[in-house]
Each structure stands twice: as C-alpha cells, then as structure tokens.
Protein backbone atom coordinates (compact mmCIF):
# COMPACT_ATOMS: atom_id res chain seq x y z
CA UNK A 1 -9.36 8.60 -14.30
CA UNK A 2 -10.84 10.91 -16.99
CA UNK A 3 -12.82 12.89 -14.63
CA UNK A 4 -9.82 14.13 -12.66
CA UNK A 5 -8.03 15.76 -15.71
CA UNK A 6 -8.04 19.54 -15.72
CA UNK A 7 -6.47 21.65 -18.32
CA UNK A 8 -6.27 25.19 -17.49
CA UNK A 9 -4.69 28.31 -18.45
CA UNK A 10 -1.56 29.27 -16.59
CA UNK A 11 1.93 30.21 -17.10
CA UNK A 12 5.21 28.95 -18.90
CA UNK A 13 8.71 28.77 -17.80
CA UNK A 14 12.06 28.89 -19.37
CA UNK A 15 15.37 26.89 -18.47
CA UNK A 16 18.40 28.43 -20.11
CA UNK A 17 21.71 27.40 -19.24
CA UNK A 18 20.41 25.38 -16.29
CA UNK A 19 19.08 28.65 -14.52
CA UNK A 20 15.00 28.88 -14.35
CA UNK A 21 13.56 32.18 -15.20
CA UNK A 22 9.80 33.20 -15.06
CA UNK A 23 8.40 34.21 -18.35
CA UNK A 24 5.42 36.39 -18.79
CA UNK A 25 2.23 34.13 -18.18
CA UNK A 26 -0.76 34.03 -20.83
CA UNK A 27 -3.10 34.37 -17.76
CA UNK A 28 -2.82 34.13 -14.10
CA UNK A 29 -4.52 31.41 -12.16
CA UNK A 30 -4.24 28.11 -10.40
CA UNK A 31 -4.07 25.66 -13.56
CA UNK A 32 -1.24 24.24 -15.24
CA UNK A 33 -0.81 25.18 -19.13
CA UNK A 34 -0.93 22.54 -21.82
CA UNK A 35 -1.67 20.10 -18.90
CA UNK A 36 -2.03 17.04 -21.21
CA UNK A 37 0.70 17.77 -23.57
CA UNK A 38 -1.67 18.01 -26.77
CA UNK A 39 0.41 21.14 -27.59
CA UNK A 40 3.60 19.39 -27.33
CA UNK A 41 6.07 20.89 -25.04
CA UNK A 42 4.33 24.38 -25.01
CA UNK A 43 4.50 26.24 -21.61
CA UNK A 44 6.94 23.48 -20.33
CA UNK A 45 10.69 24.05 -19.81
CA UNK A 46 12.75 21.14 -20.47
CA UNK A 47 16.35 19.53 -20.09
CA UNK A 48 17.72 16.61 -21.29
CA UNK A 49 15.82 14.15 -23.39
CA UNK A 50 12.12 15.47 -23.13
CA UNK A 51 9.50 15.10 -25.72
CA UNK A 52 5.86 14.92 -26.48
CA UNK A 53 4.81 11.71 -27.95
CA UNK A 54 1.83 9.49 -29.02
CA UNK A 55 0.21 7.39 -26.34
CA UNK A 56 -1.33 9.86 -23.65
CA UNK A 57 -3.12 8.60 -20.81
CA UNK A 58 -6.13 10.77 -22.18
CA UNK A 59 -5.90 12.46 -25.37
CA UNK A 60 -3.28 11.60 -27.79
CA UNK A 61 -0.14 13.02 -26.42
CA UNK A 62 2.27 12.47 -23.24
CA UNK A 63 5.26 13.51 -21.92
CA UNK A 64 8.35 11.15 -22.45
CA UNK A 65 11.47 11.78 -20.24
CA UNK A 66 14.46 9.40 -21.04
CA UNK A 67 17.49 9.58 -18.91
CA UNK A 68 19.80 7.85 -21.29
CA UNK A 69 23.45 6.97 -20.60
CA UNK A 70 25.63 9.63 -21.80
CA UNK A 71 29.68 9.23 -22.74
CA UNK A 72 31.80 11.80 -20.88
CA UNK A 73 35.72 12.24 -21.16
CA UNK A 74 37.88 10.86 -18.59
CA UNK A 75 39.26 13.74 -16.35
CA UNK A 76 42.92 14.45 -15.35
CA UNK A 77 44.61 11.24 -13.83
CA UNK A 78 42.06 9.02 -15.02
CA UNK A 79 42.25 6.29 -17.67
CA UNK A 80 41.44 7.60 -21.35
CA UNK A 81 38.42 5.53 -21.85
CA UNK A 82 35.09 7.14 -21.90
CA UNK A 83 32.84 6.88 -18.49
CA UNK A 84 29.16 6.71 -18.81
CA UNK A 85 26.66 8.38 -16.42
CA UNK A 86 22.78 8.98 -16.62
CA UNK A 87 21.98 12.30 -18.69
CA UNK A 88 18.85 13.51 -16.41
CA UNK A 89 15.55 14.56 -18.15
CA UNK A 90 13.06 17.03 -16.75
CA UNK A 91 10.16 19.22 -17.75
CA UNK A 92 9.07 22.05 -15.39
CA UNK A 93 6.70 24.80 -15.24
CA UNK A 94 6.20 27.65 -13.03
CA UNK A 95 2.47 28.38 -11.95
CA UNK A 96 1.82 31.96 -10.61
CA UNK A 97 -1.26 33.86 -9.22
CA UNK A 98 -2.02 31.29 -6.42
CA UNK A 99 -3.57 32.26 -2.97
CA UNK A 100 -1.64 31.33 -0.06
CA UNK A 101 -2.51 27.74 1.69
CA UNK A 102 -2.08 23.91 0.55
CA UNK A 103 -2.13 22.90 -3.10
CA UNK A 104 -2.16 19.34 -4.70
CA UNK A 105 -0.24 18.30 -7.75
CA UNK A 106 -1.66 15.10 -9.30
CA UNK A 107 -0.07 13.57 -12.31
CA UNK A 108 -0.96 10.43 -14.30
CA UNK A 109 2.35 8.61 -14.80
CA UNK A 110 4.27 5.34 -16.00
CA UNK A 111 7.72 4.46 -15.13
CA UNK A 112 10.74 2.21 -15.71
CA UNK A 113 13.44 3.84 -13.79
CA UNK A 114 14.27 6.46 -11.02
CA UNK A 115 11.83 9.10 -11.98
CA UNK A 116 9.54 11.84 -9.86
CA UNK A 117 7.02 14.32 -9.55
CA UNK A 118 7.96 17.37 -7.45
CA UNK A 119 6.13 20.36 -6.42
CA UNK A 120 8.13 23.60 -4.78
CA UNK A 121 6.03 26.27 -3.62
CA UNK A 122 8.14 28.47 -1.66
CA UNK A 123 8.87 26.30 1.41
CA UNK A 124 10.39 22.91 1.51
CA UNK A 125 9.90 21.18 -1.62
CA UNK A 126 7.65 18.00 -1.69
CA UNK A 127 8.27 14.91 -4.23
CA UNK A 128 6.61 11.78 -4.91
CA UNK A 129 8.66 8.82 -6.74
CA UNK A 130 7.06 7.40 -9.65
CA UNK A 131 6.20 3.74 -9.48
CA UNK A 132 8.02 1.22 -11.72
CA UNK A 133 4.87 0.29 -13.64
CA UNK A 134 6.11 -0.73 -16.86
CA UNK A 135 4.49 0.81 -19.98
CA UNK A 136 1.28 -1.09 -19.72
CA UNK A 137 -0.74 0.73 -16.90
CA UNK A 138 -1.06 4.60 -15.89
CA UNK A 139 -1.02 5.45 -11.95
CA UNK A 140 -2.01 8.63 -10.55
CA UNK A 141 0.74 10.01 -8.05
CA UNK A 142 -0.02 12.85 -5.74
CA UNK A 143 1.89 15.36 -3.72
CA UNK A 144 1.01 18.62 -1.67
CA UNK A 145 2.89 21.47 -0.65
CA UNK A 146 1.85 25.05 1.14
CA UNK A 147 2.15 27.95 -1.11
CA UNK A 148 3.99 30.99 0.49
CA UNK A 149 4.73 33.44 -2.31
CA UNK A 150 1.90 33.01 -4.68
CA UNK A 151 3.83 30.56 -7.15
CA UNK A 152 4.84 26.97 -7.51
CA UNK A 153 7.29 25.10 -9.82
CA UNK A 154 5.96 22.09 -11.10
CA UNK A 155 8.76 19.48 -11.89
CA UNK A 156 8.68 16.06 -13.59
CA UNK A 157 12.13 14.36 -13.82
CA UNK A 158 14.07 11.12 -14.44
CA UNK A 159 17.35 10.64 -13.08
CA UNK A 160 17.63 7.31 -14.90
CA UNK A 161 15.56 4.91 -17.40
CA UNK A 162 12.13 6.33 -18.48
CA UNK A 163 9.21 8.02 -17.61
CA UNK A 164 5.67 9.07 -18.88
CA UNK A 165 3.42 11.72 -17.73
CA UNK A 166 0.37 13.35 -18.63
CA UNK A 167 -2.90 15.02 -17.52
CA UNK A 168 -1.20 17.45 -14.86
CA UNK A 169 -3.55 18.92 -12.36
CA UNK A 170 -2.72 21.64 -9.33
CA UNK A 171 -5.57 22.44 -7.41
CA UNK A 172 -6.34 24.18 -4.00
CA UNK A 173 -6.16 21.83 -0.76
CA UNK A 174 -4.07 19.45 1.00
CA UNK A 175 -3.69 15.88 0.27
CA UNK A 176 -5.26 13.39 2.55
CA UNK A 177 -2.61 12.22 4.72
CA UNK A 178 -1.59 8.33 4.65
CA UNK A 179 -3.27 7.70 7.93
CA UNK A 180 -2.61 3.79 8.17
CA UNK A 181 0.99 2.51 7.83
CA UNK A 182 0.51 -0.85 9.25
CA UNK A 183 2.05 -4.29 10.31
CA UNK A 184 0.45 -7.67 10.58
CA UNK A 185 2.35 -8.92 13.92
CA UNK A 186 0.28 -12.09 14.13
CA UNK A 187 2.97 -14.23 14.19
CA UNK A 188 5.42 -12.24 16.25
CA UNK A 189 4.88 -13.82 19.55
CA UNK A 190 5.42 -17.22 18.23
CA UNK A 191 8.48 -16.22 16.84
CA UNK A 192 9.77 -14.74 20.14
CA UNK A 193 8.97 -17.70 21.92
CA UNK A 194 11.15 -19.71 19.78
CA UNK A 195 14.20 -17.57 20.10
CA UNK A 196 13.59 -15.00 17.23
CA UNK A 197 15.95 -12.04 17.68
CA UNK A 198 15.56 -8.49 16.32
CA UNK A 199 17.90 -5.64 15.54
CA UNK A 200 17.41 -2.09 14.41
CA UNK A 201 19.31 -0.55 11.40
CA UNK A 202 22.43 -0.29 13.51
CA UNK A 203 22.17 -3.81 14.36
CA UNK A 204 21.13 -3.17 18.04
CA UNK A 205 19.06 -5.73 19.30
CA UNK A 206 15.67 -4.63 20.73
CA UNK A 207 11.78 -5.06 21.12
CA UNK A 208 10.53 -5.83 17.51
CA UNK A 209 7.21 -3.49 18.10
CA UNK A 210 9.23 -0.76 19.16
CA UNK A 211 11.51 -0.83 16.38
CA UNK A 212 8.61 -0.98 14.10
CA UNK A 213 7.23 2.05 15.82
CA UNK A 214 10.34 3.88 15.85
CA UNK A 215 10.40 3.56 11.94
CA UNK A 216 7.07 4.91 11.30
CA UNK A 217 4.58 1.72 11.71
CA UNK A 218 1.14 3.12 13.46
CA UNK A 219 -1.08 0.17 13.35
CA UNK A 220 -0.82 -3.60 14.35
CA UNK A 221 -2.85 -6.05 12.54
CA UNK A 222 -3.50 -9.17 14.41
CA UNK A 223 -5.43 -12.24 13.28
CA UNK A 224 -7.80 -14.33 15.70
CA UNK A 225 -8.20 -18.17 15.22
CA UNK A 226 -11.23 -19.67 17.23
CA UNK A 227 -9.24 -22.79 18.81
CA UNK A 228 -5.80 -22.94 17.35
CA UNK A 229 -3.59 -26.26 17.80
CA UNK A 230 -0.65 -24.19 19.33
CA UNK A 231 -2.55 -21.75 21.11
CA UNK A 232 -1.29 -18.79 19.18
CA UNK A 233 -3.63 -16.27 17.49
CA UNK A 234 -6.08 -17.13 20.19
CA UNK A 235 -7.95 -14.77 22.08
CA UNK A 236 -5.62 -14.62 25.08
CA UNK A 237 -2.44 -14.04 22.61
CA UNK A 238 -4.04 -11.68 20.86
CA UNK A 239 -4.74 -9.45 24.22
CA UNK A 240 -1.47 -9.74 25.08
CA UNK A 241 -0.15 -8.48 22.05
CA UNK A 242 -2.61 -5.57 21.60
CA UNK A 243 -1.26 -4.34 25.15
CA UNK A 244 2.36 -4.07 23.45
CA UNK A 245 1.04 -2.48 20.38
CA UNK A 246 -0.99 0.12 22.06
CA UNK A 247 1.55 0.83 24.70
CA UNK A 248 3.69 1.99 21.67
CA UNK A 249 1.09 4.21 20.41
CA UNK A 250 -0.01 1.85 17.51
CA UNK A 251 -3.53 1.58 16.66
CA UNK A 252 -5.35 -2.07 16.28
CA UNK A 253 -6.66 -4.07 13.42
CA UNK A 254 -8.37 -7.28 14.64
CA UNK A 255 -8.58 -9.93 11.83
CA UNK A 256 -11.41 -12.52 12.59
CA UNK A 257 -10.57 -15.68 10.36
CA UNK A 258 -13.53 -17.76 11.84
CA UNK A 259 -11.52 -20.67 11.97
CA UNK A 260 -8.90 -22.94 13.61
CA UNK A 261 -6.02 -22.19 11.21
CA UNK A 262 -5.88 -20.23 8.12
CA UNK A 263 -8.60 -19.04 6.10
CA UNK A 264 -8.24 -17.37 2.74
CA UNK A 265 -9.85 -17.35 -0.87
CA UNK A 266 -8.95 -20.96 -1.19
CA UNK A 267 -10.28 -22.27 2.36
CA UNK A 268 -12.79 -21.17 4.74
CA UNK A 269 -12.96 -23.91 7.09
CA UNK A 270 -15.42 -24.10 10.19
CA UNK A 271 -13.80 -24.33 13.56
CA UNK A 272 -14.07 -27.72 14.88
CA UNK A 273 -16.45 -26.58 17.65
CA UNK A 274 -18.59 -25.33 15.13
CA UNK A 275 -18.69 -27.75 12.55
CA UNK A 276 -22.15 -29.54 13.38
CA UNK A 277 -24.28 -26.46 14.33
CA UNK A 278 -27.42 -25.62 12.46
CA UNK A 279 -27.19 -22.54 10.74
CA UNK A 280 -28.80 -20.47 13.67
CA UNK A 281 -26.44 -21.93 15.99
CA UNK A 282 -23.51 -21.18 13.63
CA UNK A 283 -24.58 -17.44 13.36
CA UNK A 284 -24.79 -17.23 17.08
CA UNK A 285 -21.40 -18.82 17.77
CA UNK A 286 -19.74 -16.41 15.00
CA UNK A 287 -21.58 -13.46 16.98
CA UNK A 288 -20.39 -14.53 20.41
CA UNK A 289 -16.95 -15.11 19.47
CA UNK A 290 -16.76 -11.80 17.99
CA UNK A 291 -18.44 -10.04 20.69
CA UNK A 292 -16.08 -11.88 23.18
CA UNK A 293 -12.87 -10.62 21.91
CA UNK A 294 -13.60 -7.27 20.75
CA UNK A 295 -15.33 -6.51 24.47
CA UNK A 296 -12.23 -8.00 26.09
CA UNK A 297 -9.96 -5.69 24.08
CA UNK A 298 -12.33 -2.84 25.22
CA UNK A 299 -12.29 -3.89 28.64
CA UNK A 300 -8.69 -4.11 29.13
CA UNK A 301 -8.17 -0.59 27.74
CA UNK A 302 -6.74 -1.50 24.24
CA UNK A 303 -9.76 -1.11 22.05
CA UNK A 304 -9.79 -2.29 18.44
CA UNK A 305 -9.87 0.64 15.96
CA UNK A 306 -11.01 -1.46 13.07
CA UNK A 307 -11.99 -5.18 12.96
CA UNK A 308 -12.25 -7.40 9.77
CA UNK A 309 -15.22 -9.85 9.74
CA UNK A 310 -13.63 -12.45 7.98
CA UNK A 311 -10.48 -12.65 5.99
CA UNK A 312 -10.09 -12.59 2.39
CA UNK A 313 -13.60 -13.47 1.88
CA UNK A 314 -13.81 -13.55 -1.77
CA UNK A 315 -15.54 -16.96 -1.46
CA UNK A 316 -17.42 -16.28 1.45
CA UNK A 317 -16.70 -18.10 5.00
CA UNK A 318 -17.80 -20.73 7.15
CA UNK A 319 -18.14 -23.12 4.16
CA UNK A 320 -20.77 -24.40 3.02
CA UNK A 321 -23.39 -22.09 4.82
CA UNK A 322 -21.73 -18.68 4.05
CA UNK A 323 -19.98 -19.71 0.61
CA UNK A 324 -20.48 -17.46 -2.26
CA UNK A 325 -23.10 -19.29 -3.91
CA UNK A 326 -25.30 -18.81 -0.84
CA UNK A 327 -25.39 -15.18 -0.71
CA UNK A 328 -28.24 -15.04 1.84
CA UNK A 329 -26.50 -17.16 4.31
CA UNK A 330 -23.29 -15.21 3.85
CA UNK A 331 -24.98 -11.92 4.27
CA UNK A 332 -26.60 -13.24 7.61
CA UNK A 333 -23.01 -14.12 9.07
CA UNK A 334 -21.37 -11.07 7.84
CA UNK A 335 -24.23 -9.17 9.57
CA UNK A 336 -23.94 -10.95 12.91
CA UNK A 337 -20.41 -10.12 12.79
CA UNK A 338 -20.69 -6.47 12.29
CA UNK A 339 -23.46 -6.16 14.78
CA UNK A 340 -21.54 -8.03 17.35
CA UNK A 341 -18.44 -5.67 16.71
CA UNK A 342 -20.78 -2.65 17.54
CA UNK A 343 -22.45 -3.72 20.09
CA UNK A 344 -18.97 -4.72 22.04
CA UNK A 345 -17.30 -1.32 20.93
CA UNK A 346 -19.38 1.16 19.12
CA UNK A 347 -16.30 3.26 18.01
CA UNK A 348 -14.75 0.16 16.21
CA UNK A 349 -14.88 0.40 12.32
CA UNK A 350 -16.04 -3.02 10.58
CA UNK A 351 -13.86 -3.93 7.57
CA UNK A 352 -15.00 -6.12 4.94
CA UNK A 353 -11.74 -7.73 3.34
CA UNK A 354 -11.37 -9.39 -0.18
CA UNK A 355 -8.03 -10.52 -1.89
CA UNK A 356 -6.98 -9.79 -5.33
CA UNK A 357 -6.93 -5.98 -5.04
CA UNK A 358 -6.85 -5.65 -8.93
CA UNK A 359 -10.06 -7.56 -9.37
CA UNK A 360 -12.65 -4.77 -10.20
CA UNK A 361 -15.14 -7.01 -11.61
CA UNK A 362 -15.14 -9.59 -8.79
CA UNK A 363 -15.29 -6.78 -6.25
CA UNK A 364 -17.94 -4.91 -7.43
CA UNK A 365 -20.16 -8.08 -7.96
CA UNK A 366 -19.36 -9.01 -4.21
CA UNK A 367 -20.01 -5.50 -2.74
CA UNK A 368 -23.07 -5.05 -4.82
CA UNK A 369 -24.57 -8.31 -3.22
CA UNK A 370 -23.79 -7.59 0.37
CA UNK A 371 -25.20 -4.02 -0.10
CA UNK A 372 -28.06 -5.37 -1.56
CA UNK A 373 -28.64 -7.58 1.52
CA UNK A 374 -27.92 -4.58 3.91
CA UNK A 375 -24.55 -5.98 5.32
CA UNK A 376 -23.44 -3.17 7.42
CA UNK A 377 -19.70 -2.23 7.19
CA UNK A 378 -17.31 0.97 7.34
CA UNK A 379 -14.39 0.34 5.53
CA UNK A 380 -13.17 -1.88 2.16
CA UNK A 381 -9.99 -3.69 2.58
CA UNK A 382 -8.04 -5.56 0.12
CA UNK A 383 -4.97 -7.75 -0.14
CA UNK A 384 -2.76 -7.12 -3.05
CA UNK A 385 0.77 -8.74 -3.97
CA UNK A 386 1.74 -7.58 -7.17
CA UNK A 387 3.32 -10.93 -7.77
CA UNK A 388 -0.15 -12.68 -7.51
CA UNK A 389 -2.54 -9.79 -8.37
CA UNK A 390 -1.22 -8.12 -11.03
CA UNK A 391 0.24 -4.71 -11.44
CA UNK A 392 -0.34 -1.51 -9.38
CA UNK A 393 -2.13 0.27 -12.19
CA UNK A 394 -5.04 -2.36 -11.70
CA UNK A 395 -4.85 -1.99 -8.15
CA UNK A 396 -5.28 1.59 -8.33
CA UNK A 397 -8.09 1.60 -10.79
CA UNK A 398 -9.82 -0.76 -8.53
CA UNK A 399 -9.34 1.31 -5.52
CA UNK A 400 -10.69 4.52 -7.53
CA UNK A 401 -13.76 2.91 -8.57
CA UNK A 402 -14.64 1.18 -5.12
CA UNK A 403 -14.04 4.33 -3.21
CA UNK A 404 -16.33 6.40 -5.51
CA UNK A 405 -18.98 3.88 -6.05
CA UNK A 406 -19.45 2.73 -2.42
CA UNK A 407 -18.14 5.98 -0.37
CA UNK A 408 -16.37 3.89 2.00
CA UNK A 409 -12.84 4.52 3.19
CA UNK A 410 -10.47 1.81 1.84
CA UNK A 411 -7.19 0.24 2.68
CA UNK A 412 -4.69 -2.30 1.53
CA UNK A 413 -4.56 -4.58 4.43
CA UNK A 414 -2.07 -7.07 3.40
CA UNK A 415 0.95 -6.70 0.73
CA UNK A 416 4.44 -7.96 0.68
CA UNK A 417 7.72 -8.44 -1.24
CA UNK A 418 10.75 -10.58 -0.94
CA UNK A 419 14.39 -9.33 -0.31
CA UNK A 420 16.24 -12.42 -1.62
CA UNK A 421 15.79 -15.64 -2.95
CA UNK A 422 17.89 -17.33 -0.60
CA UNK A 423 16.43 -19.93 1.66
CA UNK A 424 16.96 -19.78 5.40
CA UNK A 425 15.14 -22.94 6.67
CA UNK A 426 13.86 -26.27 5.33
CA UNK A 427 10.66 -24.78 4.16
CA UNK A 428 10.55 -23.78 0.53
CA UNK A 429 9.84 -20.16 0.34
CA UNK A 430 6.66 -18.73 -1.35
CA UNK A 431 8.46 -15.82 -2.89
CA UNK A 432 10.75 -17.55 -5.65
CA UNK A 433 12.22 -16.57 -9.12
CA UNK A 434 9.09 -17.02 -11.01
CA UNK A 435 7.27 -14.77 -8.42
CA UNK A 436 9.99 -12.17 -8.58
CA UNK A 437 9.58 -12.06 -12.47
CA UNK A 438 6.09 -11.54 -12.10
CA UNK A 439 6.48 -9.00 -9.36
CA UNK A 440 8.73 -6.77 -11.56
CA UNK A 441 11.17 -5.72 -8.82
CA UNK A 442 14.53 -7.43 -7.90
CA UNK A 443 14.62 -9.67 -4.84
CA UNK A 444 17.13 -7.44 -3.21
CA UNK A 445 16.65 -5.25 0.02
CA UNK A 446 16.25 -2.10 -2.23
CA UNK A 447 13.83 -3.66 -4.79
CA UNK A 448 11.82 -4.78 -1.54
CA UNK A 449 11.96 -1.22 -0.44
CA UNK A 450 10.95 0.02 -3.81
CA UNK A 451 8.21 -2.29 -4.24
CA UNK A 452 6.49 -0.86 -0.74
CA UNK A 453 7.12 2.70 -1.53
CA UNK A 454 5.38 2.12 -4.72
CA UNK A 455 2.44 0.67 -3.14
CA UNK A 456 2.27 3.52 -0.65
CA UNK A 457 2.61 6.24 -3.22
CA UNK A 458 -0.12 4.30 -5.57
CA UNK A 459 -2.47 4.12 -2.67
CA UNK A 460 -2.03 7.53 -1.26
CA UNK A 461 -3.31 9.19 -4.58
CA UNK A 462 -6.65 7.71 -4.08
CA UNK A 463 -9.42 9.80 -2.36
CA UNK A 464 -10.54 8.02 0.70
CA UNK A 465 -7.63 5.81 1.05
CA UNK A 466 -6.49 4.87 4.52
CA UNK A 467 -2.97 3.27 3.73
CA UNK A 468 -1.24 0.18 3.70
CA UNK A 469 -0.69 -2.82 6.06
CA UNK A 470 2.56 -4.95 5.46
CA UNK A 471 1.69 -8.74 6.03
CA UNK A 472 4.13 -10.44 8.85
CA UNK A 473 7.06 -8.36 8.46
CA UNK A 474 8.62 -9.96 11.42
CA UNK A 475 8.05 -13.62 10.41
CA UNK A 476 11.66 -14.53 10.22
CA UNK A 477 12.88 -18.41 10.22
CA UNK A 478 12.88 -19.94 13.81
CA UNK A 479 12.85 -23.64 14.51
CA UNK A 480 9.45 -24.46 15.80
CA UNK A 481 7.80 -21.40 15.00
CA UNK A 482 6.60 -22.86 11.50
CA UNK A 483 3.29 -22.24 9.25
CA UNK A 484 1.23 -25.16 10.53
CA UNK A 485 -0.37 -24.65 14.03
CA UNK A 486 -0.81 -28.45 14.22
CA UNK A 487 2.88 -29.63 12.99
CA UNK A 488 5.79 -28.58 15.09
CA UNK A 489 8.11 -29.51 12.43
CA UNK A 490 6.62 -27.26 9.79
CA UNK A 491 9.00 -24.27 8.62
CA UNK A 492 8.47 -20.76 7.70
CA UNK A 493 7.87 -19.90 3.96
CA UNK A 494 7.85 -16.27 4.46
CA UNK A 495 11.10 -15.37 5.88
CA UNK A 496 12.59 -13.79 2.53
CA UNK A 497 9.28 -11.57 2.88
CA UNK A 498 10.11 -10.19 6.12
CA UNK A 499 11.59 -6.70 6.81
CA UNK A 500 14.26 -8.19 8.94
CA UNK A 501 17.21 -9.89 7.33
CA UNK A 502 18.40 -13.52 8.25
CA UNK A 503 20.45 -12.10 11.24
CA UNK A 504 17.47 -10.19 12.39
CA UNK A 505 18.51 -6.73 11.27
CA UNK A 506 16.05 -4.14 9.78
CA UNK A 507 15.91 -3.97 6.03
CA UNK A 508 15.69 -0.59 3.83
CA UNK A 509 12.05 -1.41 3.42
CA UNK A 510 11.27 -0.55 7.11
CA UNK A 511 12.21 2.97 6.67
CA UNK A 512 9.65 3.33 4.02
CA UNK A 513 7.10 3.75 6.69
CA UNK A 514 8.98 6.81 8.12
CA UNK A 515 9.21 8.60 5.04
CA UNK A 516 5.36 8.91 4.47
C-alpha cells in the first residue's frame, strides 16, 4: 500500500570480503536510506547477483536478487565434472541511532524461490520468509526485533531462485502477534468413531487434539448443523468437542451453518424443521438455535470466544428469505443471530464470514450493505484457498482494505493445501493436478507446509489481522466417515489436504503453527 511507504535518511553498510563493516551515516535516525531503490543500490551493501531494476512496487525501481546456480570445481577424490550449487544473493543495510525497544521492519516483496527478510538488532535475529508469489502481485511481509545496542541490520536475501523487494520501512513498535493459529476440527469425532488413528511427527500414536496443541494450534473451529442425518456436528457433539479443545488450552470458534448439512456460497438450504416457517418464525428459530448452543457452551464452562453467524454467506443464508437479493431480510436474520450470541455470552465476538478472500469488490459491496442496515458484528472472517480464490497478493490487498475501511479485526478462517495427488479411498479428491497448478505449490509435504507458512506470513503483515484457521486438518480417509451425513457409503474428498499422512502421521505443515 502506498501509504505504508517511508523513505528516510539513514546509514549505509559495506560488505567487503564477506565481512560487514559500518560506514559513516549520512544522518542518524530510524529510517532506511534509499528504501525504494530509486537511487539504485546506494546505501545498500550487496553480495551475489543483486541489482536495481525497473518495475517497483511504487516508484520506478526495485531490488532484484537472483540466486542462480554456479559451477564449482570438484574437490580432491571427486569426479572431475563440475558441480553446481546455488549462489546466494543479498542486500544489507545497517541503521543506527535507534532508541532501545522494539522495531518493525516491513518490506514489499515478490518471490519465486527461497528468500527471506531479516532484522538483526543486537539480540537474536528475526526473519520472515518471502512468499512464493510469482511475478504478478506484490505482498508485504513484516518482522520485528528488539533494539539493544542502538542499531539494526536489515537483510534481504535469496538462497535460491529470485526475489524482488521494494519500499522498506523500519519503524518503532512491535508487530502485532499472530493470535489465531487455528484448526477446524468439525469432522474429528466422526473420524475417530470410525477408527481414525493419529500419530505425532515421531510416529507415536496419540490424541489428535493434544498433538495439534503441542504443535502450536491454539484455537478450534467447530461447525454446528441444526438436525444432521448422522448426528454429528449437532449441539451435543459440539459441546463434547468443546470440552476437549478447552482442556488443551485452545480457544473456540463456533461456526453456525443454519442448515442440516453443508452451507456455502453455492447452497444455503434451510433446515427441514424451519422450511415452512413464516419470516418472523424463521428469524425466531435462528435466534433460539444460536442462543441455545452459545448459552450451553457457556454453562458447561467452555464459552465460545468467537461465533460465526453463517458460513461463507456471500450469497446470504436461509434461502430465499435471506438471499443476497433480499438484503433487508438477510440483515434481519444476521442481526437476530448476532443479538442471540451476545445475549447468551456477552464476551463472545461475532464473526461475519465470506468466501473468496481476494474478492475486494464483492466484499466491500457486501459489508457496505450489512453496515448500512445496522448489522452488529465484531470480526471479519474470510475463506481463502489459493487454488480456488487466487494469489496471496489479492488476498492481502483485500485484507488491508477491509481492515482499514471497517476498523474491524480480520482473520482467514478457512484455508488448506494438498500434500499429495494420490487417492486414499474411493471418493475423488477435491485437490487434484489442475488445482495444484492453479495453487502454485507442489503437492508434496513440503509444498503444503510452504503454502501454509506463506499464508500466515501474508496475513501477519496486515494491521488488525488475527491469524489463520486451517480447514479440517484431521479429516483423513476412514470407511464410514465420508462427507455426506445422509450417506454412510460416501467417501472423503479431503484426505490429501489433511496435515496427517495416510498412515496418520503428522506432516511438516503442522510444525508451521509452532514456528509463529
């Protein structure tokens, strides 16, 4: 965003023979000299293939780092053929004259390899990886560190592939921590009842909720259906899972679907018991159902920290009464749900949740309509699957705008990525080769981990962002625990996006939560 750009007078550094030396500063202060690379590489010490090129985030110029392979001679005892290894590239600048305390470094980046932004201020250095965005859209990454000796080293580096950087800022103050590192556990009980087994990274069998918590997951998201055919995701099941999650120290996000089965942008079907109600009765039924679940959670000592009034409601809910083309009806239903949440548990935050996390025009239209009709809410929630909803740059641009425009905390409450293209049951997997290509990450355990890491890093840079919730990380394939509550023979189209492999062992993606 242009308003985040800061170009201030600071210092330069020199890198000679691999040894960093401080050179006299033009002026002391908390800024970064030549922060937009409009003066080429002035003020920056470089190593490897680092250059200033046209095509900046703002202005005309950017930094390009290219860690191309280099040839090296074989050593003694090795074959005479040349060897190849990546030649790292970096640009560094030492900033001096800083007061003691926390500082935040923000950089606009694009990446196509293993690159990072680092801040070293006298204590342990902090770094954030550059997301693999491709060359189309910029994203901002942010990292903070505590100044102890009056100066910091800003380091932009690429260990392989390429990276672009521009509009570097260093400002006093700590980065808001990632408070939500969540997992939607709605299907876990059913999976366990049909024999699913979960193992930690070492292969030791254990309780899935405990394994998630030990790896940094701090929030459980649970969906609620009104009268599901199989009895799962009902009020009773949600209460039981809430106890397990809270016992592990997790917070709780309740996701009301206001349906007997799946509700999403393509379908918002009324529960059978509500199908013939007049509008006033429908609104009262929604209120009563919401109040019943939230108050029961509070009474059993597991209050909901947040509650979604509807799931992916871009097109509204409880069609046709609350469809997108009947905004007065939709607003009345949303208001009833929000009021029920607050009446049952005043401290619970109300979330309004839309899909298509990069769809800024659609989201602004939707929230403008909701706000114009006085719908009360506390948090904006979005779904964003890069293989469906577009690149991380579009997501972050939307999050920046929504957060600033409406002054509300924001979270990605659904995301996921595949770790393989192999099937593990008779149900065709949703994530396939076509979606792998669209998503831009390989369908491997490391590709899945990188996709989740990049999602967190992009969200963490947005002021007011709470964090990320991974959708159904425990939904491995088990006979009988399929997707359709009315069909016991249905299978699992999600198993290759779980964070447990086909033997039930935790995958590298699970470690991402603990590194934040």
